[in-house]
């Protein structure tokens, strides 16, 4: 099942955590896991976030959550161009 990463990020930006989470939790790809990690970080669930960063093959993010979200948008745009 293809995950609409852009929609998940837009919902996250709008503060619609649950709607964004519903989109990415069905994805098994690395980028879905990375967005999933970000969402749990926003939620304050650091241990769950760490699990999802690991699933994505990425270190736990040390940026602010605002910076991380912008970074995720940039990566999503680059992925669409590839």
Protein backbone atom coordinates (compact mmCIF):
# COMPACT_ATOMS: atom_id res chain seq x y z
CA UNK A 1 0.00 0.00 0.00
CA UNK A 2 1.41 3.37 -1.01
CA UNK A 3 1.57 5.89 1.80
CA UNK A 4 0.84 9.54 1.09
CA UNK A 5 3.83 10.98 2.92
CA UNK A 6 3.03 14.54 1.83
CA UNK A 7 -0.48 14.31 3.30
CA UNK A 8 0.86 12.87 6.56
CA UNK A 9 3.34 15.74 6.84
CA UNK A 10 0.72 18.37 6.02
CA UNK A 11 -1.57 16.95 8.70
CA UNK A 12 1.32 16.95 11.18
CA UNK A 13 2.03 20.59 10.36
CA UNK A 14 -1.65 21.39 11.03
CA UNK A 15 -1.44 19.69 14.44
CA UNK A 16 -3.60 16.76 13.36
CA UNK A 17 -1.42 14.15 15.05
CA UNK A 18 -3.93 11.28 14.99
CA UNK A 19 -4.82 11.71 11.32
CA UNK A 20 -1.14 11.85 10.36
CA UNK A 21 -0.39 8.82 12.52
CA UNK A 22 -3.18 6.81 10.87
CA UNK A 23 -1.57 7.40 7.48
CA UNK A 24 1.98 6.39 8.39
CA UNK A 25 1.23 3.51 10.73
CA UNK A 26 0.18 1.35 7.77
CA UNK A 27 3.43 2.00 5.90
CA UNK A 28 6.37 -0.37 6.09
CA UNK A 29 8.81 1.83 4.17
CA UNK A 30 11.67 3.71 5.83
CA UNK A 31 10.20 7.17 5.23
CA UNK A 32 6.89 6.20 6.84
CA UNK A 33 8.88 4.95 9.83
CA UNK A 34 10.77 8.23 9.97
CA UNK A 35 7.56 10.28 9.98
CA UNK A 36 6.17 7.86 12.55
CA UNK A 37 9.23 8.53 14.73
CA UNK A 38 8.75 12.27 14.40
CA UNK A 39 5.10 12.00 15.43
CA UNK A 40 5.96 10.04 18.57
CA UNK A 41 8.67 12.56 19.36
CA UNK A 42 6.09 15.36 19.10
CA UNK A 43 3.81 13.34 21.33
CA UNK A 44 6.60 13.12 23.91
CA UNK A 45 6.96 9.34 23.65
CA UNK A 46 10.74 9.30 23.31
CA UNK A 47 11.24 5.55 23.63
CA UNK A 48 8.62 4.81 20.95
CA UNK A 49 10.16 7.49 18.74
CA UNK A 50 13.59 5.85 19.16
CA UNK A 51 12.12 2.53 18.03
CA UNK A 52 10.75 4.11 14.84
CA UNK A 53 14.01 5.96 14.10
CA UNK A 54 15.76 2.60 14.39
CA UNK A 55 13.21 1.00 12.02
CA UNK A 56 13.91 3.83 9.57
CA UNK A 57 17.66 3.19 9.85
CA UNK A 58 18.25 6.69 11.22
CA UNK A 59 19.70 8.07 14.44
CA UNK A 60 17.35 9.78 16.88
CA UNK A 61 16.91 13.32 15.61
CA UNK A 62 18.53 16.09 17.65
CA UNK A 63 16.90 18.98 15.78
CA UNK A 64 13.96 20.87 17.22
CA UNK A 65 10.66 19.29 16.20
CA UNK A 66 9.99 22.35 14.02
CA UNK A 67 13.30 21.91 12.21
CA UNK A 68 12.76 18.19 11.89
CA UNK A 69 9.37 18.71 10.26
CA UNK A 70 10.87 21.11 7.72
CA UNK A 71 13.63 18.61 7.05
CA UNK A 72 11.03 15.88 6.47
CA UNK A 73 9.18 18.10 3.99
CA UNK A 74 12.44 18.71 2.11
CA UNK A 75 13.25 15.01 2.02
CA UNK A 76 9.75 14.18 0.81
CA UNK A 77 10.06 16.72 -2.01
CA UNK A 78 13.45 15.28 -2.99
CA UNK A 79 12.02 11.75 -2.95
CA UNK A 80 9.27 12.82 -5.36
CA UNK A 81 11.87 14.22 -7.77
CA UNK A 82 13.91 11.00 -7.78
